[in-house]
Amino acid sequence: MKLEIELIDARLRAPFVSARTSVKARRLGLVRLQTADGTVGHGEAAPLEGYDAASLEDVLAALGDCREPLSHSNGEDHEALLNACA
């Protein structure tokens, strides 16, 4: 499988306001996985800092660690792939 990640700044329609901050835009990663037969899946890497334990950098590093196992995967053995990425 092939992993691609595109970083974008997603502007919010209205600011997200909490007791600690006001967020007008979020930095996130658009994730694209493509199998050898051309099947494509899309997702996002979008932790909300201050609420999620991980930062976007943490999530991107973890996805980077999965590049090698993904490149050797046919996408069928989900448990083995998850173990390799853990």
C-alpha atoms as a PDB file:
ATOM      1  CA  MET A   1       0.000   0.000   0.000  1.00  0.00           C
ATOM      2  CA  LYS A   2       1.059   3.540  -0.613  1.00  0.00           C
ATOM      3  CA  LEU A   3       0.600   6.210   2.079  1.00  0.00           C
ATOM      4  CA  GLU A   4       0.336   9.899   1.215  1.00  0.00           C
ATOM      5  CA  ILE A   5      -0.219  12.733   3.677  1.00  0.00           C
ATOM      6  CA  GLU A   6      -1.067  16.296   2.676  1.00  0.00           C
ATOM      7  CA  LEU A   7      -0.916  18.973   5.374  1.00  0.00           C
ATOM      8  CA  ILE A   8      -3.571  21.659   5.170  1.00  0.00           C
ATOM      9  CA  ASP A   9      -4.893  24.516   7.260  1.00  0.00           C
ATOM     10  CA  ALA A  10      -8.651  24.086   7.602  1.00  0.00           C
ATOM     11  CA  ARG A  11     -10.390  27.339   8.439  1.00  0.00           C
ATOM     12  CA  LEU A  12     -13.371  26.874  10.744  1.00  0.00           C
ATOM     13  CA  ARG A  13     -16.695  28.413   9.813  1.00  0.00           C
ATOM     14  CA  ALA A  14     -16.815  29.989  13.277  1.00  0.00           C
ATOM     15  CA  PRO A  15     -14.127  30.090  15.981  1.00  0.00           C
ATOM     16  CA  PHE A  16     -14.044  27.147  18.381  1.00  0.00           C
ATOM     17  CA  VAL A  17     -13.965  28.816  21.792  1.00  0.00           C
ATOM     18  CA  SER A  18     -13.054  27.179  25.088  1.00  0.00           C
ATOM     19  CA  ALA A  19     -11.967  28.468  28.477  1.00  0.00           C
ATOM     20  CA  ARG A  20      -8.340  28.215  27.340  1.00  0.00           C
ATOM     21  CA  THR A  21      -8.330  29.363  23.730  1.00  0.00           C
ATOM     22  CA  SER A  22     -10.134  30.361  20.579  1.00  0.00           C
ATOM     23  CA  VAL A  23      -9.306  28.390  17.422  1.00  0.00           C
ATOM     24  CA  LYS A  24     -10.038  29.886  13.986  1.00  0.00           C
ATOM     25  CA  ALA A  25      -8.210  27.265  11.889  1.00  0.00           C
ATOM     26  CA  ARG A  26      -6.779  23.786  12.383  1.00  0.00           C
ATOM     27  CA  ARG A  27      -3.675  22.244  10.897  1.00  0.00           C
ATOM     28  CA  LEU A  28      -4.401  18.682   9.867  1.00  0.00           C
ATOM     29  CA  GLY A  29      -3.225  15.933   7.601  1.00  0.00           C
ATOM     30  CA  LEU A  30      -5.308  14.483   4.802  1.00  0.00           C
ATOM     31  CA  VAL A  31      -4.395  10.805   4.560  1.00  0.00           C
ATOM     32  CA  ARG A  32      -4.639   8.743   1.385  1.00  0.00           C
ATOM     33  CA  LEU A  33      -3.960   5.004   1.169  1.00  0.00           C
ATOM     34  CA  GLN A  34      -3.786   3.217  -2.164  1.00  0.00           C
ATOM     35  CA  THR A  35      -3.547  -0.541  -2.610  1.00  0.00           C
ATOM     36  CA  ALA A  36      -1.691  -2.260  -5.441  1.00  0.00           C
ATOM     37  CA  ASP A  37      -4.988  -2.870  -7.267  1.00  0.00           C
ATOM     38  CA  GLY A  38      -5.791   0.870  -7.223  1.00  0.00           C
ATOM     39  CA  THR A  39      -8.322   0.903  -4.389  1.00  0.00           C
ATOM     40  CA  VAL A  40      -8.082   4.232  -2.555  1.00  0.00           C
ATOM     41  CA  GLY A  41      -9.133   5.188   0.960  1.00  0.00           C
ATOM     42  CA  HIS A  42      -9.145   8.675   2.461  1.00  0.00           C
ATOM     43  CA  GLY A  43      -9.000   9.819   6.060  1.00  0.00           C
ATOM     44  CA  GLU A  44      -7.634  12.523   8.275  1.00  0.00           C
ATOM     45  CA  ALA A  45      -5.059  12.963  10.978  1.00  0.00           C
ATOM     46  CA  ALA A  46      -6.635  15.721  13.008  1.00  0.00           C
ATOM     47  CA  PRO A  47      -5.967  15.629  16.742  1.00  0.00           C
ATOM     48  CA  LEU A  48      -7.329  18.636  18.581  1.00  0.00           C
ATOM     49  CA  GLU A  49      -4.478  19.861  20.735  1.00  0.00           C
ATOM     50  CA  GLY A  50      -5.543  20.606  24.253  1.00  0.00           C
ATOM     51  CA  TYR A  51      -8.184  17.875  24.071  1.00  0.00           C
ATOM     52  CA  ASP A  52      -6.346  14.923  22.528  1.00  0.00           C
ATOM     53  CA  ALA A  53      -3.268  13.522  24.227  1.00  0.00           C
ATOM     54  CA  ALA A  54      -1.297  13.578  20.959  1.00  0.00           C
ATOM     55  CA  SER A  55      -0.201  16.517  18.851  1.00  0.00           C
ATOM     56  CA  LEU A  56      -0.358  16.588  15.056  1.00  0.00           C
ATOM     57  CA  GLU A  57       3.418  16.058  15.034  1.00  0.00           C
ATOM     58  CA  ASP A  58       2.989  12.919  17.187  1.00  0.00           C
ATOM     59  CA  VAL A  59       0.345  11.544  14.841  1.00  0.00           C
ATOM     60  CA  LEU A  60       2.401  12.331  11.720  1.00  0.00           C
ATOM     61  CA  ALA A  61       5.439  10.621  13.278  1.00  0.00           C
ATOM     62  CA  ALA A  62       3.346   7.522  14.036  1.00  0.00           C
ATOM     63  CA  LEU A  63       2.029   7.473  10.463  1.00  0.00           C
ATOM     64  CA  GLY A  64       5.604   7.843   9.235  1.00  0.00           C
ATOM     65  CA  ASP A  65       6.570   4.794  11.273  1.00  0.00           C
ATOM     66  CA  CYS A  66       3.852   2.859   9.423  1.00  0.00           C
ATOM     67  CA  ARG A  67       5.136   3.698   5.934  1.00  0.00           C
ATOM     68  CA  GLU A  68       7.463   0.699   5.763  1.00  0.00           C
ATOM     69  CA  PRO A  69       4.936  -1.908   6.964  1.00  0.00           C
ATOM     70  CA  LEU A  70       2.294  -0.382   4.683  1.00  0.00           C
ATOM     71  CA  SER A  71       4.596  -0.529   1.665  1.00  0.00           C
ATOM     72  CA  HIS A  72       4.901  -4.307   2.125  1.00  0.00           C
ATOM     73  CA  SER A  73       1.215  -4.903   2.882  1.00  0.00           C
ATOM     74  CA  ASN A  74      -1.470  -6.084   0.514  1.00  0.00           C
ATOM     75  CA  GLY A  75      -4.055  -4.643   2.917  1.00  0.00           C
ATOM     76  CA  GLU A  76      -5.612  -7.984   3.753  1.00  0.00           C
ATOM     77  CA  ASP A  77      -3.991  -8.981   7.067  1.00  0.00           C
ATOM     78  CA  HIS A  78      -5.279  -6.130   9.226  1.00  0.00           C
ATOM     79  CA  GLU A  79      -4.107  -7.578  12.535  1.00  0.00           C
ATOM     80  CA  ALA A  80      -0.517  -8.090  11.333  1.00  0.00           C
ATOM     81  CA  LEU A  81      -0.447  -4.588   9.877  1.00  0.00           C
ATOM     82  CA  LEU A  82      -1.755  -3.026  13.093  1.00  0.00           C
ATOM     83  CA  ASN A  83       0.838  -4.973  15.106  1.00  0.00           C
ATOM     84  CA  ALA A  84       3.630  -3.818  12.795  1.00  0.00           C
ATOM     85  CA  CYS A  85       2.530  -0.206  13.200  1.00  0.00           C
ATOM     86  CA  ALA A  86       1.990  -0.375  16.985  1.00  0.00           C
END
